[in-house]
Full PDB file with SEQRES, HELIX, SHEET, SSBOND, CRYST1, ORIGX, SCALE, CONECT and MASTER records, all heavy atoms in Angstrom:
SEQRES   1 A   31  TYR LEU ALA LEU ARG ALA MET PRO ASN SER HIS VAL ALA          
SEQRES   2 A   31  GLY GLU ASP ASP ILE LEU ALA ASN ILE GLU LYS SER VAL          
SEQRES   3 A   31  PRO SER ALA SER SER                                          
HELIX    1 AA1 LEU A    2  ARG A    5  1                                   4    
HELIX    2 AA2 GLU A   15  ILE A   22  1                                   8    
CRYST1    1.000    1.000    1.000  90.00  90.00  90.00 P 1           1          
ORIGX1      1.000000  0.000000  0.000000        0.00000                         
ORIGX2      0.000000  1.000000  0.000000        0.00000                         
ORIGX3      0.000000  0.000000  1.000000        0.00000                         
SCALE1      1.000000  0.000000  0.000000        0.00000                         
SCALE2      0.000000  1.000000  0.000000        0.00000                         
SCALE3      0.000000  0.000000  1.000000        0.00000                         
ATOM      1  N   TYR A   1      -3.348   8.890  -3.431  1.00  0.00           N  
ATOM      2  CA  TYR A   1      -4.494   8.036  -3.728  1.00  0.00           C  
ATOM      3  C   TYR A   1      -4.059   6.613  -3.491  1.00  0.00           C  
ATOM      4  O   TYR A   1      -4.836   5.884  -2.899  1.00  0.00           O  
ATOM      5  CB  TYR A   1      -5.109   8.336  -5.089  1.00  0.00           C  
ATOM      6  CG  TYR A   1      -6.136   7.300  -5.500  1.00  0.00           C  
ATOM      7  CD1 TYR A   1      -7.468   7.327  -5.015  1.00  0.00           C  
ATOM      8  CD2 TYR A   1      -5.766   6.266  -6.373  1.00  0.00           C  
ATOM      9  CE1 TYR A   1      -8.368   6.420  -5.432  1.00  0.00           C  
ATOM     10  CE2 TYR A   1      -6.682   5.287  -6.716  1.00  0.00           C  
ATOM     11  CZ  TYR A   1      -7.947   5.330  -6.235  1.00  0.00           C  
ATOM     12  OH  TYR A   1      -8.807   4.412  -6.613  1.00  0.00           O  
ATOM     13  N   LEU A   2      -2.995   6.155  -4.084  1.00  0.00           N  
ATOM     14  CA  LEU A   2      -2.540   4.847  -4.063  1.00  0.00           C  
ATOM     15  C   LEU A   2      -2.294   4.413  -2.599  1.00  0.00           C  
ATOM     16  O   LEU A   2      -2.682   3.288  -2.166  1.00  0.00           O  
ATOM     17  CB  LEU A   2      -1.330   4.649  -4.942  1.00  0.00           C  
ATOM     18  CG  LEU A   2      -1.438   4.765  -6.430  1.00  0.00           C  
ATOM     19  CD1 LEU A   2      -0.112   4.633  -7.080  1.00  0.00           C  
ATOM     20  CD2 LEU A   2      -2.402   3.713  -6.930  1.00  0.00           C  
ATOM     21  N   ALA A   3      -1.639   5.311  -1.811  1.00  0.00           N  
ATOM     22  CA  ALA A   3      -1.292   4.944  -0.423  1.00  0.00           C  
ATOM     23  C   ALA A   3      -2.596   4.918   0.425  1.00  0.00           C  
ATOM     24  O   ALA A   3      -2.761   3.929   1.275  1.00  0.00           O  
ATOM     25  CB  ALA A   3      -0.432   6.045   0.105  1.00  0.00           C  
ATOM     26  N   LEU A   4      -3.611   5.813   0.226  1.00  0.00           N  
ATOM     27  CA  LEU A   4      -4.775   5.670   0.997  1.00  0.00           C  
ATOM     28  C   LEU A   4      -5.558   4.428   0.633  1.00  0.00           C  
ATOM     29  O   LEU A   4      -6.208   3.801   1.491  1.00  0.00           O  
ATOM     30  CB  LEU A   4      -5.618   6.926   0.821  1.00  0.00           C  
ATOM     31  CG  LEU A   4      -5.094   8.186   1.429  1.00  0.00           C  
ATOM     32  CD1 LEU A   4      -5.899   9.420   0.934  1.00  0.00           C  
ATOM     33  CD2 LEU A   4      -5.171   8.099   2.939  1.00  0.00           C  
ATOM     34  N   ARG A   5      -5.667   4.166  -0.675  1.00  0.00           N  
ATOM     35  CA  ARG A   5      -6.377   3.041  -1.169  1.00  0.00           C  
ATOM     36  C   ARG A   5      -5.739   1.662  -0.700  1.00  0.00           C  
ATOM     37  O   ARG A   5      -6.482   0.661  -0.454  1.00  0.00           O  
ATOM     38  CB  ARG A   5      -6.446   2.954  -2.676  1.00  0.00           C  
ATOM     39  CG  ARG A   5      -7.458   2.026  -3.161  1.00  0.00           C  
ATOM     40  CD  ARG A   5      -7.452   2.002  -4.692  1.00  0.00           C  
ATOM     41  NE  ARG A   5      -6.231   1.291  -5.286  1.00  0.00           N  
ATOM     42  CZ  ARG A   5      -6.190   0.827  -6.520  1.00  0.00           C  
ATOM     43  NH1 ARG A   5      -7.249   0.995  -7.365  1.00  0.00           N  
ATOM     44  NH2 ARG A   5      -5.128   0.182  -7.015  1.00  0.00           N  
ATOM     45  N   ALA A   6      -4.415   1.711  -0.339  1.00  0.00           N  
ATOM     46  CA  ALA A   6      -3.693   0.547   0.041  1.00  0.00           C  
ATOM     47  C   ALA A   6      -3.873   0.251   1.524  1.00  0.00           C  
ATOM     48  O   ALA A   6      -3.411  -0.787   2.052  1.00  0.00           O  
ATOM     49  CB  ALA A   6      -2.243   0.582  -0.326  1.00  0.00           C  
ATOM     50  N   MET A   7      -4.437   1.164   2.267  1.00  0.00           N  
ATOM     51  CA  MET A   7      -4.566   0.999   3.728  1.00  0.00           C  
ATOM     52  C   MET A   7      -5.642  -0.132   3.942  1.00  0.00           C  
ATOM     53  O   MET A   7      -6.673  -0.284   3.354  1.00  0.00           O  
ATOM     54  CB  MET A   7      -5.121   2.258   4.340  1.00  0.00           C  
ATOM     55  CG  MET A   7      -4.148   3.338   4.488  1.00  0.00           C  
ATOM     56  SD  MET A   7      -4.787   4.736   5.361  1.00  0.00           S  
ATOM     57  CE  MET A   7      -4.926   3.992   7.033  1.00  0.00           C  
ATOM     58  N   PRO A   8      -5.273  -1.054   4.986  1.00  0.00           N  
ATOM     59  CA  PRO A   8      -6.261  -2.102   5.377  1.00  0.00           C  
ATOM     60  C   PRO A   8      -7.438  -1.502   6.097  1.00  0.00           C  
ATOM     61  O   PRO A   8      -7.358  -0.331   6.560  1.00  0.00           O  
ATOM     62  CB  PRO A   8      -5.362  -2.951   6.225  1.00  0.00           C  
ATOM     63  CG  PRO A   8      -4.380  -2.100   6.783  1.00  0.00           C  
ATOM     64  CD  PRO A   8      -4.060  -1.122   5.695  1.00  0.00           C  
ATOM     65  N   ASN A   9      -8.434  -2.280   6.221  1.00  0.00           N  
ATOM     66  CA  ASN A   9      -9.705  -1.849   6.904  1.00  0.00           C  
ATOM     67  C   ASN A   9      -9.415  -1.386   8.328  1.00  0.00           C  
ATOM     68  O   ASN A   9     -10.176  -0.648   8.954  1.00  0.00           O  
ATOM     69  CB  ASN A   9     -10.770  -2.830   6.820  1.00  0.00           C  
ATOM     70  CG  ASN A   9     -11.637  -2.660   5.637  1.00  0.00           C  
ATOM     71  OD1 ASN A   9     -11.492  -1.665   4.977  1.00  0.00           O  
ATOM     72  ND2 ASN A   9     -12.523  -3.642   5.287  1.00  0.00           N  
ATOM     73  N   SER A  10      -8.364  -1.894   8.936  1.00  0.00           N  
ATOM     74  CA  SER A  10      -8.146  -1.566  10.318  1.00  0.00           C  
ATOM     75  C   SER A  10      -7.626  -0.123  10.465  1.00  0.00           C  
ATOM     76  O   SER A  10      -7.554   0.440  11.591  1.00  0.00           O  
ATOM     77  CB  SER A  10      -7.119  -2.507  10.913  1.00  0.00           C  
ATOM     78  OG  SER A  10      -5.845  -2.375  10.240  1.00  0.00           O  
ATOM     79  N   HIS A  11      -7.252   0.517   9.333  1.00  0.00           N  
ATOM     80  CA  HIS A  11      -6.670   1.884   9.354  1.00  0.00           C  
ATOM     81  C   HIS A  11      -5.338   1.919  10.167  1.00  0.00           C  
ATOM     82  O   HIS A  11      -4.775   2.968  10.457  1.00  0.00           O  
ATOM     83  CB  HIS A  11      -7.642   2.825  10.062  1.00  0.00           C  
ATOM     84  CG  HIS A  11      -8.158   3.831   9.058  1.00  0.00           C  
ATOM     85  ND1 HIS A  11      -8.482   5.087   9.336  1.00  0.00           N  
ATOM     86  CD2 HIS A  11      -8.495   3.712   7.735  1.00  0.00           C  
ATOM     87  CE1 HIS A  11      -8.991   5.797   8.281  1.00  0.00           C  
ATOM     88  NE2 HIS A  11      -9.045   4.861   7.251  1.00  0.00           N  
ATOM     89  N   VAL A  12      -4.704   0.719  10.405  1.00  0.00           N  
ATOM     90  CA  VAL A  12      -3.433   0.669  11.032  1.00  0.00           C  
ATOM     91  C   VAL A  12      -2.592  -0.233  10.209  1.00  0.00           C  
ATOM     92  O   VAL A  12      -2.894  -1.389  10.024  1.00  0.00           O  
ATOM     93  CB  VAL A  12      -3.590   0.102  12.554  1.00  0.00           C  
ATOM     94  CG1 VAL A  12      -2.211   0.075  13.081  1.00  0.00           C  
ATOM     95  CG2 VAL A  12      -4.481   1.020  13.313  1.00  0.00           C  
ATOM     96  N   ALA A  13      -1.466   0.344   9.745  1.00  0.00           N  
ATOM     97  CA  ALA A  13      -0.549  -0.399   8.888  1.00  0.00           C  
ATOM     98  C   ALA A  13       0.777   0.161   8.847  1.00  0.00           C  
ATOM     99  O   ALA A  13       0.923   1.419   8.920  1.00  0.00           O  
ATOM    100  CB  ALA A  13      -1.150  -0.585   7.454  1.00  0.00           C  
ATOM    101  N   GLY A  14       1.818  -0.637   8.700  1.00  0.00           N  
ATOM    102  CA  GLY A  14       3.182  -0.105   8.560  1.00  0.00           C  
ATOM    103  C   GLY A  14       3.431   0.319   7.138  1.00  0.00           C  
ATOM    104  O   GLY A  14       2.679  -0.027   6.149  1.00  0.00           O  
ATOM    105  N   GLU A  15       4.432   1.043   6.950  1.00  0.00           N  
ATOM    106  CA  GLU A  15       4.852   1.587   5.637  1.00  0.00           C  
ATOM    107  C   GLU A  15       5.037   0.427   4.653  1.00  0.00           C  
ATOM    108  O   GLU A  15       4.644   0.484   3.456  1.00  0.00           O  
ATOM    109  CB  GLU A  15       6.160   2.448   5.711  1.00  0.00           C  
ATOM    110  CG  GLU A  15       6.634   2.956   4.458  1.00  0.00           C  
ATOM    111  CD  GLU A  15       7.903   3.760   4.547  1.00  0.00           C  
ATOM    112  OE1 GLU A  15       8.212   4.155   5.705  1.00  0.00           O  
ATOM    113  OE2 GLU A  15       8.564   3.912   3.505  1.00  0.00           O  
ATOM    114  N   ASP A  16       5.767  -0.701   5.045  1.00  0.00           N  
ATOM    115  CA  ASP A  16       6.043  -1.827   4.206  1.00  0.00           C  
ATOM    116  C   ASP A  16       4.699  -2.478   3.762  1.00  0.00           C  
ATOM    117  O   ASP A  16       4.613  -2.928   2.613  1.00  0.00           O  
ATOM    118  CB  ASP A  16       6.984  -2.811   4.851  1.00  0.00           C  
ATOM    119  CG  ASP A  16       8.310  -2.260   5.055  1.00  0.00           C  
ATOM    120  OD1 ASP A  16       8.701  -1.228   4.328  1.00  0.00           O  
ATOM    121  OD2 ASP A  16       9.089  -2.754   5.906  1.00  0.00           O  
ATOM    122  N   ASP A  17       3.750  -2.605   4.670  1.00  0.00           N  
ATOM    123  CA  ASP A  17       2.527  -3.299   4.264  1.00  0.00           C  
ATOM    124  C   ASP A  17       1.761  -2.416   3.303  1.00  0.00           C  
ATOM    125  O   ASP A  17       1.213  -2.961   2.328  1.00  0.00           O  
ATOM    126  CB  ASP A  17       1.613  -3.383   5.544  1.00  0.00           C  
ATOM    127  CG  ASP A  17       2.176  -4.299   6.608  1.00  0.00           C  
ATOM    128  OD1 ASP A  17       2.924  -5.245   6.130  1.00  0.00           O  
ATOM    129  OD2 ASP A  17       2.007  -4.062   7.825  1.00  0.00           O  
ATOM    130  N   ILE A  18       1.747  -1.138   3.438  1.00  0.00           N  
ATOM    131  CA  ILE A  18       1.120  -0.203   2.447  1.00  0.00           C  
ATOM    132  C   ILE A  18       1.751  -0.296   1.066  1.00  0.00           C  
ATOM    133  O   ILE A  18       1.122  -0.474   0.014  1.00  0.00           O  
ATOM    134  CB  ILE A  18       1.091   1.229   2.968  1.00  0.00           C  
ATOM    135  CG1 ILE A  18       0.196   1.328   4.184  1.00  0.00           C  
ATOM    136  CG2 ILE A  18       0.600   2.214   1.851  1.00  0.00           C  
ATOM    137  CD1 ILE A  18       0.188   2.684   4.889  1.00  0.00           C  
ATOM    138  N   LEU A  19       3.134  -0.269   1.143  1.00  0.00           N  
ATOM    139  CA  LEU A  19       3.802  -0.442  -0.200  1.00  0.00           C  
ATOM    140  C   LEU A  19       3.565  -1.742  -0.911  1.00  0.00           C  
ATOM    141  O   LEU A  19       3.424  -1.762  -2.069  1.00  0.00           O  
ATOM    142  CB  LEU A  19       5.294  -0.276   0.049  1.00  0.00           C  
ATOM    143  CG  LEU A  19       5.828   1.149   0.404  1.00  0.00           C  
ATOM    144  CD1 LEU A  19       7.333   1.095   0.752  1.00  0.00           C  
ATOM    145  CD2 LEU A  19       5.599   2.075  -0.745  1.00  0.00           C  
ATOM    146  N   ALA A  20       3.504  -2.790  -0.065  1.00  0.00           N  
ATOM    147  CA  ALA A  20       3.113  -4.170  -0.617  1.00  0.00           C  
ATOM    148  C   ALA A  20       1.838  -4.197  -1.272  1.00  0.00           C  
ATOM    149  O   ALA A  20       1.555  -4.731  -2.372  1.00  0.00           O  
ATOM    150  CB  ALA A  20       3.324  -5.223   0.478  1.00  0.00           C  
ATOM    151  N   ASN A  21       0.775  -3.479  -0.588  1.00  0.00           N  
ATOM    152  CA  ASN A  21      -0.566  -3.481  -1.169  1.00  0.00           C  
ATOM    153  C   ASN A  21      -0.558  -2.607  -2.420  1.00  0.00           C  
ATOM    154  O   ASN A  21      -1.286  -2.899  -3.443  1.00  0.00           O  
ATOM    155  CB  ASN A  21      -1.480  -2.874  -0.142  1.00  0.00           C  
ATOM    156  CG  ASN A  21      -1.876  -3.899   0.943  1.00  0.00           C  
ATOM    157  OD1 ASN A  21      -1.640  -5.115   0.792  1.00  0.00           O  
ATOM    158  ND2 ASN A  21      -2.234  -3.331   2.048  1.00  0.00           N  
ATOM    159  N   ILE A  22       0.209  -1.536  -2.524  1.00  0.00           N  
ATOM    160  CA  ILE A  22       0.235  -0.695  -3.669  1.00  0.00           C  
ATOM    161  C   ILE A  22       0.756  -1.509  -4.821  1.00  0.00           C  
ATOM    162  O   ILE A  22       0.160  -1.482  -5.932  1.00  0.00           O  
ATOM    163  CB  ILE A  22       1.127   0.578  -3.416  1.00  0.00           C  
ATOM    164  CG1 ILE A  22       0.438   1.500  -2.446  1.00  0.00           C  
ATOM    165  CG2 ILE A  22       1.370   1.309  -4.791  1.00  0.00           C  
ATOM    166  CD1 ILE A  22       1.265   2.717  -2.102  1.00  0.00           C  
ATOM    167  N   GLU A  23       1.828  -2.309  -4.607  1.00  0.00           N  
ATOM    168  CA  GLU A  23       2.446  -2.941  -5.693  1.00  0.00           C  
ATOM    169  C   GLU A  23       1.553  -4.163  -6.251  1.00  0.00           C  
ATOM    170  O   GLU A  23       1.938  -4.701  -7.313  1.00  0.00           O  
ATOM    171  CB  GLU A  23       3.799  -3.592  -5.226  1.00  0.00           C  
ATOM    172  CG  GLU A  23       4.799  -2.414  -4.973  1.00  0.00           C  
ATOM    173  CD  GLU A  23       6.252  -2.901  -5.034  1.00  0.00           C  
ATOM    174  OE1 GLU A  23       6.439  -4.162  -4.972  1.00  0.00           O  
ATOM    175  OE2 GLU A  23       7.161  -2.078  -5.083  1.00  0.00           O  
ATOM    176  N   LYS A  24       0.497  -4.473  -5.585  1.00  0.00           N  
ATOM    177  CA  LYS A  24      -0.448  -5.457  -6.176  1.00  0.00           C  
ATOM    178  C   LYS A  24      -1.085  -4.932  -7.408  1.00  0.00           C  
ATOM    179  O   LYS A  24      -1.404  -5.659  -8.315  1.00  0.00           O  
ATOM    180  CB  LYS A  24      -1.495  -5.788  -5.143  1.00  0.00           C  
ATOM    181  CG  LYS A  24      -0.986  -6.586  -3.938  1.00  0.00           C  
ATOM    182  CD  LYS A  24      -2.026  -6.889  -2.976  1.00  0.00           C  
ATOM    183  CE  LYS A  24      -1.472  -7.635  -1.792  1.00  0.00           C  
ATOM    184  NZ  LYS A  24      -2.561  -7.848  -0.738  1.00  0.00           N  
ATOM    185  N   SER A  25      -1.263  -3.597  -7.493  1.00  0.00           N  
ATOM    186  CA  SER A  25      -1.817  -3.008  -8.753  1.00  0.00           C  
ATOM    187  C   SER A  25      -0.885  -2.244  -9.568  1.00  0.00           C  
ATOM    188  O   SER A  25      -1.025  -2.008 -10.815  1.00  0.00           O  
ATOM    189  CB  SER A  25      -3.037  -2.136  -8.348  1.00  0.00           C  
ATOM    190  OG  SER A  25      -2.633  -1.118  -7.468  1.00  0.00           O  
ATOM    191  N   VAL A  26       0.226  -1.741  -8.883  1.00  0.00           N  
ATOM    192  CA  VAL A  26       1.242  -1.004  -9.594  1.00  0.00           C  
ATOM    193  C   VAL A  26       2.501  -1.580  -9.214  1.00  0.00           C  
ATOM    194  O   VAL A  26       3.328  -1.183  -8.285  1.00  0.00           O  
ATOM    195  CB  VAL A  26       1.239   0.502  -9.186  1.00  0.00           C  
ATOM    196  CG1 VAL A  26       2.276   1.249 -10.063  1.00  0.00           C  
ATOM    197  CG2 VAL A  26      -0.158   1.121  -9.407  1.00  0.00           C  
ATOM    198  N   PRO A  27       3.005  -2.649  -9.971  1.00  0.00           N  
ATOM    199  CA  PRO A  27       4.308  -3.328  -9.625  1.00  0.00           C  
ATOM    200  C   PRO A  27       5.477  -2.324  -9.721  1.00  0.00           C  
ATOM    201  O   PRO A  27       5.488  -1.402 -10.547  1.00  0.00           O  
ATOM    202  CB  PRO A  27       4.437  -4.312 -10.700  1.00  0.00           C  
ATOM    203  CG  PRO A  27       2.974  -4.602 -11.088  1.00  0.00           C  
ATOM    204  CD  PRO A  27       2.314  -3.385 -11.087  1.00  0.00           C  
ATOM    205  N   SER A  28       6.464  -2.463  -8.826  1.00  0.00           N  
ATOM    206  CA  SER A  28       7.652  -1.618  -8.755  1.00  0.00           C  
ATOM    207  C   SER A  28       7.367  -0.262  -8.321  1.00  0.00           C  
ATOM    208  O   SER A  28       8.175   0.662  -8.480  1.00  0.00           O  
ATOM    209  CB  SER A  28       8.394  -1.724 -10.089  1.00  0.00           C  
ATOM    210  OG  SER A  28       8.737  -2.999 -10.471  1.00  0.00           O  
ATOM    211  N   ALA A  29       6.168   0.025  -7.769  1.00  0.00           N  
ATOM    212  CA  ALA A  29       5.844   1.397  -7.394  1.00  0.00           C  
ATOM    213  C   ALA A  29       6.768   1.920  -6.257  1.00  0.00           C  
ATOM    214  O   ALA A  29       6.999   3.130  -6.226  1.00  0.00           O  
ATOM    215  CB  ALA A  29       4.333   1.473  -6.904  1.00  0.00           C  
ATOM    216  N   SER A  30       7.208   1.021  -5.352  1.00  0.00           N  
ATOM    217  CA  SER A  30       8.018   1.513  -4.248  1.00  0.00           C  
ATOM    218  C   SER A  30       9.349   2.002  -4.720  1.00  0.00           C  
ATOM    219  O   SER A  30      10.094   2.574  -3.880  1.00  0.00           O  
ATOM    220  CB  SER A  30       8.178   0.295  -3.258  1.00  0.00           C  
ATOM    221  OG  SER A  30       8.772  -0.826  -3.850  1.00  0.00           O  
ATOM    222  N   SER A  31       9.722   1.877  -5.992  1.00  0.00           N  
ATOM    223  CA  SER A  31      10.948   2.361  -6.477  1.00  0.00           C  
ATOM    224  C   SER A  31      10.906   3.910  -6.677  1.00  0.00           C  
ATOM    225  O   SER A  31      11.959   4.568  -6.774  1.00  0.00           O  
ATOM    226  CB  SER A  31      11.370   1.708  -7.780  1.00  0.00           C  
ATOM    227  OG  SER A  31      10.438   2.043  -8.786  1.00  0.00           O  
TER     228      SER A  31                                                      
MASTER        0    0    0    2    0    0    0    6  227    1    0    3          
END                                                                             
């Protein structure tokens, strides 16, 4: 759910971009 919600509207994003978006609401999630 976190990964899908972190996708930008373009539906095209790299793994690092998605992780960065996730960490806006869940800090340190990428660990």
